[in-house]
Amino acid sequence: MTSKLLLFSLIASTSYATAADGSLKEKALALYSSNKNSVLYLSAVVEVELTAGDSPSKKEERKVEMIGTVIGKDGLIVVPLSTLDVASTIDGRTINSAQGPVKISAKGTTKEVKILMPDGTEVAAKVAFKDTDLDLAFIRPEQPDAVKLTPVDTANSAPMAILDDVIVLGRLGKDLNREALVMTGEVVSMVTKPRTFAKIGTPSLGMPVFNGEGKFLGIGINHFSPKGDSESQGPSPSGVVLPASDLLESSAQAK
């Protein structure tokens, strides 16, 4: 299942029985009004080179879509690298063949990136920096002055703590016109090793996460477990929230 399909299945299965009320609802509505266009879909054409065991390599092109968040006044957008570099989710996996288990090697090359604006127009963009350790890719318009994007206020940030209320801004899929959405939830766990992540009770892949006061907490990414001998099918992803401080440190390298 692709990251996008997984995201929508999670959204579909999320219970909304504990809908936000009071001040949380008011802040969520305010963020939705001011920053719904800070979350955008992007599309990319990616060339994937696949090698199965000792067989000759094969190349194929894939078109992918991913959700990103505008974090810079110059139009800088961050997306989970694993949703852009689809080869990374294939590389290292083992498949069963008539000759037995075969390990797959995959390399990806991003050939075209476009920002899908809310009005339906497309804006040419380019990858500025990839952070493989944090599952981040930073993308900006090829002509930043030609398009107006709305960044989230990353300077107004806060650390995350267990049971914090959270507000997540996102978008629905193409079948639902990629309409903006807003969700509320809470931090259900804090992971401290090998680095700090938060686990929240709502989908957040590629989406900005805020606390109940509207302060920026971080971005939803995929965290991949290290591949071990027992993981013959390759590393598996877990959706987590990367703290704002780590995101901003990484984004400083996106020149």
Foldseek 3Di string as FASTA:
>chain_A
DAPQVVQVVQQVPADCPPPDDDLLVVLLVVCCVQALQQKFKKKFKKWKWKDWAPDDIDIDIDIFMFIWGQADQLAKIKAQLCRVFVQVVQAQFWDQDPVGIIGMHMDMDTDWMWIQGLVGDIFTKDWQDADVQVRMTIMGGPDSVVDGGRHQHLVQADEADFFFKKKKWAFDDVVVSRHIDMDIWGFHDWDPPPHTWTDTSHDFRNIWMATSVRHTFFGKYWDWDDDDPVCNRGTDTDITGDGSVVVVVVCVSRD
